[in-house]
Amino acid sequence: MRLVGDIGGTNARFGLIDPATGALHDPQVLACAAFPDLAAAASHYLGQVGGPLVREAAMAVASPVLGDLVRFTNSPWVFSTEDTRVRLGLDRLAIVNDFTALALALPHLGPGETRQVGGGTPVPQAAIALIGAGTGLGVSGLLPGSAGWVPVTGEGGHTAFSPMGEREQSLLRHLSQRFDHVSTERLLQGAGIVLLHETVCALDGRMRRPLSQEDITREAIAGSDPTCVEVLDLFCGILGTASANLAVTLGARGGVYIGGGIVPSLGPAFDRSVFRARFEAKGRYRDYMAAIPTYVITAENPALRGVAHALDTPRAG
């Protein structure tokens, strides 16, 4: 069995993969705050599932992977890959970006594990794009290669926010007084929904109610608060533009997949949102965009299934 993990800023998901069948066994979710580092959390998980003998492991992390030392973007965890391998008694430990791992899962998703939003038909063997909002904003993709799909590893969530229309221009002007760099991730994450709410209230000169991300999305979906409704519209529209920018950059005529924790939780409200209209709003490239399908990933633990392939798959940098 292979140990696999999907380590985010809040939760650490672990499981065991049978390399012969690819089946995922004994998935569990642990709170990162309960453990000092990755090795401690993984050791606890292995103890919980009976202490199986494991020689190989692959971990997806919500962080750039630039060398032996891994520092999380939205978590205090820092660990050495080699030290973690030794502490867990492994022969081999692969560490990849979490959205690289999720990208590796895309070709293996079955019927009922995605939901299409809007029209379009995938072109076989064309590039595939991946984007998703959660604790941060993850971006990746798959490129067709001679030996199969090759994942793209990058930090596209930190591209500059691209506003559309006067309201979003106002958002950017306001936020630029506070941040040196207004990244797309700054708005397209859980904390970004709260930031959008704060900024809209400030622009309109209204006192802000102290609402959490969950409060804002719940009231937006219910239609009970106009400001929350606007915030969710802004979030979905900004995500539509970011997804479209990624699609034209990669030439992702194989489709754009949306992961992360936020969008799947919105359910039909996302399907009815301005996301798809903004995705297609590319001027002379409108027809090109309209032909590209967009999918919400609804599968359980897809990154755990994908990260196992990191032990056998080449990377595209």
Protein backbone atom coordinates (compact mmCIF):
# COMPACT_ATOMS: atom_id res chain seq x y z
CA MET A 1 0.00 0.00 0.00
CA ARG A 2 1.06 3.59 -0.64
CA LEU A 3 0.39 6.39 1.83
CA VAL A 4 -1.16 9.46 0.23
CA GLY A 5 -1.97 12.85 1.69
CA ASP A 6 -3.64 16.10 0.66
CA ILE A 7 -2.42 18.79 3.02
CA GLY A 8 -4.17 22.13 2.95
CA GLY A 9 -4.02 25.21 5.10
CA THR A 10 -6.70 23.88 7.46
CA ASN A 11 -7.08 20.11 7.02
CA ALA A 12 -4.82 17.16 6.28
CA ARG A 13 -6.46 14.31 4.38
CA PHE A 14 -4.78 10.91 4.36
CA GLY A 15 -5.50 7.57 2.78
CA LEU A 16 -3.93 4.35 1.55
CA ILE A 17 -3.77 3.50 -2.15
CA ASP A 18 -3.55 -0.01 -3.52
CA PRO A 19 -1.08 0.45 -6.43
CA ALA A 20 -2.48 -2.61 -8.22
CA THR A 21 -6.03 -1.26 -8.44
CA GLY A 22 -5.74 2.44 -7.62
CA ALA A 23 -8.43 2.00 -4.96
CA LEU A 24 -8.43 4.41 -2.01
CA HIS A 25 -8.74 2.87 1.45
CA ASP A 26 -9.34 4.33 4.94
CA PRO A 27 -9.53 8.04 4.10
CA GLN A 28 -9.46 10.32 7.13
CA VAL A 29 -9.40 14.08 7.71
CA LEU A 30 -7.25 15.56 10.47
CA ALA A 31 -7.03 19.17 11.63
CA CYS A 32 -3.59 20.58 10.84
CA ALA A 33 -3.68 22.71 13.99
CA ALA A 34 -3.68 19.53 16.12
CA PHE A 35 -0.17 18.55 14.95
CA PRO A 36 3.21 20.31 14.81
CA ASP A 37 4.13 19.07 11.34
CA LEU A 38 3.43 16.65 8.51
CA ALA A 39 5.33 13.70 9.97
CA ALA A 40 3.40 13.88 13.24
CA ALA A 41 0.05 14.02 11.45
CA ALA A 42 0.94 11.15 9.10
CA SER A 43 2.22 9.00 11.97
CA HIS A 44 -1.02 9.58 13.87
CA TYR A 45 -3.05 8.58 10.80
CA LEU A 46 -1.06 5.36 10.29
CA GLY A 47 -1.59 4.47 13.93
CA GLN A 48 -5.33 5.06 13.55
CA VAL A 49 -5.56 2.60 10.64
CA GLY A 50 -3.61 -0.21 12.30
CA GLY A 51 0.00 0.70 11.55
CA PRO A 52 0.34 -0.82 8.06
CA LEU A 53 3.79 -1.29 6.52
CA VAL A 54 4.25 1.53 4.02
CA ARG A 55 7.39 2.06 1.93
CA GLU A 56 6.22 4.73 -0.53
CA ALA A 57 4.20 7.88 0.01
CA ALA A 58 3.10 10.92 -1.96
CA MET A 59 1.85 14.14 -0.41
CA ALA A 60 0.06 17.06 -2.02
CA VAL A 61 0.77 20.34 -0.25
CA ALA A 62 -0.84 23.79 -0.52
CA SER A 63 2.50 25.41 -1.19
CA PRO A 64 5.14 25.82 -3.88
CA VAL A 65 7.56 22.87 -3.88
CA LEU A 66 10.96 24.41 -4.62
CA GLY A 67 13.33 22.10 -2.78
CA ASP A 68 13.71 19.97 0.34
CA LEU A 69 12.24 22.56 2.69
CA VAL A 70 8.51 23.17 2.26
CA ARG A 71 6.81 26.22 3.76
CA PHE A 72 3.04 26.42 3.53
CA THR A 73 1.47 29.58 2.12
CA ASN A 74 -1.57 29.60 4.42
CA SER A 75 -0.35 27.48 7.35
CA PRO A 76 2.49 27.68 9.91
CA TRP A 77 3.75 24.21 8.95
CA VAL A 78 7.35 23.93 7.72
CA PHE A 79 9.02 20.59 7.05
CA SER A 80 12.00 18.94 5.38
CA THR A 81 11.06 16.29 2.84
CA GLU A 82 14.09 14.15 3.66
CA ASP A 83 13.56 14.45 7.41
CA THR A 84 9.90 13.50 6.99
CA ARG A 85 10.84 10.49 4.85
CA VAL A 86 13.26 9.25 7.51
CA ARG A 87 10.84 9.83 10.39
CA LEU A 88 8.13 7.85 8.59
CA GLY A 89 10.51 5.02 7.64
CA LEU A 90 9.86 5.41 3.91
CA ASP A 91 12.00 4.38 0.97
CA ARG A 92 10.47 7.10 -1.15
CA LEU A 93 8.46 10.26 -0.50
CA ALA A 94 7.13 12.48 -3.29
CA ILE A 95 5.94 16.01 -2.48
CA VAL A 96 3.89 17.91 -5.08
CA ASN A 97 1.72 20.99 -5.14
CA ASP A 98 -1.88 20.20 -4.18
CA PHE A 99 -3.31 21.37 -7.48
CA THR A 100 -0.74 19.37 -9.41
CA ALA A 101 -2.11 16.35 -7.56
CA LEU A 102 -5.69 17.32 -8.34
CA ALA A 103 -4.77 17.76 -12.01
CA LEU A 104 -3.38 14.21 -12.05
CA ALA A 105 -6.78 12.96 -10.90
CA LEU A 106 -8.75 14.56 -13.75
CA PRO A 107 -8.32 11.79 -16.36
CA HIS A 108 -9.49 9.26 -13.77
CA LEU A 109 -12.74 10.94 -12.73
CA GLY A 110 -15.77 8.86 -13.57
CA PRO A 111 -19.38 9.62 -14.49
CA GLY A 112 -21.13 11.57 -11.76
CA GLU A 113 -17.88 13.01 -10.36
CA THR A 114 -18.15 16.31 -12.26
CA ARG A 115 -20.99 18.68 -13.18
CA GLN A 116 -20.88 20.71 -16.37
CA VAL A 117 -21.75 24.39 -16.17
CA GLY A 118 -22.74 25.90 -19.50
CA GLY A 119 -22.10 24.48 -22.94
CA GLY A 120 -19.07 23.34 -24.87
CA THR A 121 -17.54 20.01 -25.84
CA PRO A 122 -14.02 18.85 -24.92
CA VAL A 123 -11.49 18.36 -27.72
CA PRO A 124 -9.66 15.02 -27.27
CA GLN A 125 -5.96 15.32 -26.43
CA ALA A 126 -6.17 19.09 -25.99
CA ALA A 127 -4.81 20.82 -22.90
CA ILE A 128 -6.97 20.83 -19.76
CA ALA A 129 -7.08 23.66 -17.20
CA LEU A 130 -7.73 23.45 -13.46
CA ILE A 131 -8.57 26.21 -10.98
CA GLY A 132 -10.09 26.15 -7.52
CA ALA A 133 -10.80 28.39 -4.55
CA GLY A 134 -10.50 27.29 -0.92
CA THR A 135 -8.08 28.46 1.75
CA GLY A 136 -6.12 29.83 -1.25
CA LEU A 137 -6.50 29.79 -5.04
CA GLY A 138 -4.99 26.79 -6.80
CA VAL A 139 -4.16 26.69 -10.51
CA SER A 140 -2.79 23.85 -12.64
CA GLY A 141 -3.41 21.99 -15.86
CA LEU A 142 -2.60 18.95 -17.94
CA LEU A 143 -0.69 18.96 -21.21
CA PRO A 144 -0.78 16.02 -23.63
CA GLY A 145 2.59 14.28 -23.94
CA SER A 146 4.01 11.30 -25.78
CA ALA A 147 3.84 9.18 -22.61
CA GLY A 148 0.49 10.52 -21.35
CA TRP A 149 -0.70 13.58 -19.51
CA VAL A 150 1.92 15.90 -18.00
CA PRO A 151 0.81 18.19 -15.15
CA VAL A 152 1.73 21.86 -15.02
CA THR A 153 3.04 23.05 -11.65
CA GLY A 154 2.76 26.76 -11.02
CA GLU A 155 1.41 29.47 -8.74
CA GLY A 156 -1.16 31.03 -11.05
CA GLY A 157 -3.33 32.10 -8.13
CA HIS A 158 -0.88 34.92 -7.52
CA THR A 159 -1.40 36.59 -10.89
CA ALA A 160 -2.75 40.14 -10.71
CA PHE A 161 -6.50 40.61 -10.28
CA SER A 162 -8.04 41.51 -13.67
CA PRO A 163 -11.09 43.73 -13.04
CA MET A 164 -13.98 43.98 -15.49
CA GLY A 165 -16.35 46.93 -15.32
CA GLU A 166 -16.44 50.02 -13.12
CA ARG A 167 -17.44 48.20 -9.90
CA GLU A 168 -14.43 45.89 -10.06
CA GLN A 169 -12.19 48.80 -11.06
CA SER A 170 -13.37 50.52 -7.88
CA LEU A 171 -12.55 47.40 -5.89
CA LEU A 172 -9.03 47.38 -7.30
CA ARG A 173 -8.47 51.08 -6.60
CA HIS A 174 -9.64 50.65 -3.01
CA LEU A 175 -7.61 47.48 -2.37
CA SER A 176 -4.48 48.96 -3.97
CA GLN A 177 -4.36 51.46 -1.10
CA ARG A 178 -4.04 48.51 1.30
CA PHE A 179 -1.98 45.93 -0.63
CA ASP A 180 1.13 46.36 -2.78
CA HIS A 181 -0.06 43.53 -5.02
CA VAL A 182 -3.76 42.71 -5.40
CA SER A 183 -3.58 39.10 -6.53
CA THR A 184 -6.41 37.01 -7.87
CA GLU A 185 -6.03 34.78 -4.81
CA ARG A 186 -6.58 37.78 -2.55
CA LEU A 187 -10.24 37.72 -3.67
CA LEU A 188 -10.83 34.14 -4.78
CA GLN A 189 -10.52 32.31 -1.47
CA GLY A 190 -12.52 32.01 1.72
CA ALA A 191 -10.95 35.09 3.27
CA GLY A 192 -11.42 36.84 -0.08
CA ILE A 193 -15.19 36.58 0.20
CA VAL A 194 -14.96 38.38 3.55
CA LEU A 195 -12.59 40.95 1.99
CA LEU A 196 -15.03 41.53 -0.87
CA HIS A 197 -17.82 42.08 1.67
CA GLU A 198 -15.69 44.57 3.63
CA THR A 199 -14.72 46.43 0.47
CA VAL A 200 -18.24 46.66 -0.97
CA CYS A 201 -19.50 48.04 2.35
CA ALA A 202 -16.63 50.56 2.41
CA LEU A 203 -17.28 51.68 -1.17
CA ASP A 204 -20.97 52.19 -0.41
CA GLY A 205 -20.32 53.93 2.91
CA ARG A 206 -22.22 51.33 4.93
CA MET A 207 -21.42 49.82 8.31
CA ARG A 208 -20.34 46.22 7.80
CA ARG A 209 -21.94 43.42 9.78
CA PRO A 210 -19.28 41.01 11.11
CA LEU A 211 -20.16 38.10 8.81
CA SER A 212 -18.02 35.03 8.13
CA GLN A 213 -17.50 33.51 4.69
CA GLU A 214 -20.17 30.94 5.48
CA ASP A 215 -22.60 33.64 6.64
CA ILE A 216 -22.07 35.67 3.47
CA THR A 217 -22.56 32.74 1.08
CA ARG A 218 -25.58 31.47 3.01
CA GLU A 219 -27.31 34.86 2.92
CA ALA A 220 -26.37 35.33 -0.73
CA ILE A 221 -27.86 31.98 -1.75
CA ALA A 222 -31.00 32.74 0.26
CA GLY A 223 -31.22 36.19 -1.30
CA SER A 224 -31.76 37.70 2.15
CA ASP A 225 -29.11 40.44 1.96
CA PRO A 226 -28.39 42.52 -1.18
CA THR A 227 -24.76 43.15 -0.24
CA CYS A 228 -24.10 39.43 0.19
CA VAL A 229 -25.81 38.75 -3.14
CA GLU A 230 -23.51 41.27 -4.82
CA VAL A 231 -20.43 39.79 -3.13
CA LEU A 232 -21.23 36.30 -4.42
CA ASP A 233 -21.88 37.72 -7.90
CA LEU A 234 -18.50 39.46 -7.77
CA PHE A 235 -16.77 36.28 -6.62
CA CYS A 236 -18.30 34.17 -9.40
CA GLY A 237 -17.63 36.83 -12.03
CA ILE A 238 -13.99 37.26 -11.01
CA LEU A 239 -13.58 33.48 -11.04
CA GLY A 240 -15.10 33.40 -14.53
CA THR A 241 -12.53 35.87 -15.83
CA ALA A 242 -9.65 34.10 -14.06
CA SER A 243 -10.76 30.76 -15.52
CA ALA A 244 -11.03 32.24 -18.99
CA ASN A 245 -7.55 33.79 -18.74
CA LEU A 246 -6.17 30.40 -17.76
CA ALA A 247 -8.02 28.67 -20.60
CA VAL A 248 -6.66 30.96 -23.30
CA THR A 249 -3.17 30.82 -21.80
CA LEU A 250 -3.06 27.03 -21.91
CA GLY A 251 -5.23 26.61 -24.99
CA ALA A 252 -7.41 24.43 -22.77
CA ARG A 253 -9.90 23.21 -25.34
CA GLY A 254 -10.08 19.96 -23.38
CA GLY A 255 -12.05 21.81 -20.71
CA VAL A 256 -11.67 23.81 -17.53
CA TYR A 257 -12.22 22.04 -14.21
CA ILE A 258 -13.11 23.86 -10.99
CA GLY A 259 -12.05 22.34 -7.68
CA GLY A 260 -11.41 23.67 -4.20
CA GLY A 261 -13.88 23.74 -1.35
CA ILE A 262 -15.94 26.85 -2.12
CA VAL A 263 -17.53 26.38 -5.54
CA PRO A 264 -18.80 22.80 -5.02
CA SER A 265 -20.49 23.99 -1.81
CA LEU A 266 -22.46 26.64 -3.73
CA GLY A 267 -24.40 23.98 -5.65
CA PRO A 268 -26.98 25.24 -8.20
CA ALA A 269 -26.38 28.86 -7.15
CA PHE A 270 -23.02 28.70 -8.94
CA ASP A 271 -24.62 27.27 -12.07
CA ARG A 272 -27.07 30.22 -12.14
CA SER A 273 -24.34 32.79 -11.46
CA VAL A 274 -22.52 35.09 -13.86
CA PHE A 275 -19.55 32.69 -13.97
CA ARG A 276 -20.20 31.23 -17.41
CA ALA A 277 -21.15 34.56 -18.99
CA ARG A 278 -17.91 36.07 -17.73
CA PHE A 279 -15.97 33.01 -18.89
CA GLU A 280 -17.22 33.54 -22.43
CA ALA A 281 -16.78 37.35 -22.38
CA LYS A 282 -13.56 37.45 -24.41
CA GLY A 283 -14.55 39.81 -27.22
CA ARG A 284 -13.30 38.43 -30.54
CA TYR A 285 -12.62 35.11 -28.79
CA ARG A 286 -16.19 34.66 -27.55
CA ASP A 287 -16.89 31.75 -29.92
CA TYR A 288 -13.58 30.11 -28.94
CA MET A 289 -14.56 30.33 -25.26
CA ALA A 290 -18.14 29.19 -25.81
CA ALA A 291 -16.79 25.92 -27.24
CA ILE A 292 -14.75 25.15 -24.08
CA PRO A 293 -16.68 23.20 -21.43
CA THR A 294 -16.40 24.08 -17.75
CA TYR A 295 -16.91 21.49 -15.00
CA VAL A 296 -17.29 21.60 -11.23
CA ILE A 297 -15.49 18.68 -9.55
CA THR A 298 -17.91 16.89 -7.23
CA ALA A 299 -15.82 13.75 -6.53
CA GLU A 300 -14.80 12.88 -2.98
CA ASN A 301 -11.06 13.03 -2.19
CA PRO A 302 -9.95 13.50 -5.82
CA ALA A 303 -6.52 14.89 -4.85
CA LEU A 304 -5.80 11.79 -2.75
CA ARG A 305 -6.45 9.66 -5.80
CA GLY A 306 -4.42 11.96 -8.03
CA VAL A 307 -1.37 12.34 -5.81
CA ALA A 308 -0.66 8.60 -6.01
CA HIS A 309 0.15 9.13 -9.70
CA ALA A 310 2.89 11.60 -8.74
CA LEU A 311 5.14 8.63 -8.01
CA ASP A 312 4.86 7.51 -11.65
CA THR A 313 4.27 10.69 -13.68
CA PRO A 314 6.72 13.19 -15.22
CA ARG A 315 6.20 16.88 -14.43
CA ALA A 316 6.16 19.91 -16.72
CA GLY A 317 7.80 22.29 -14.30
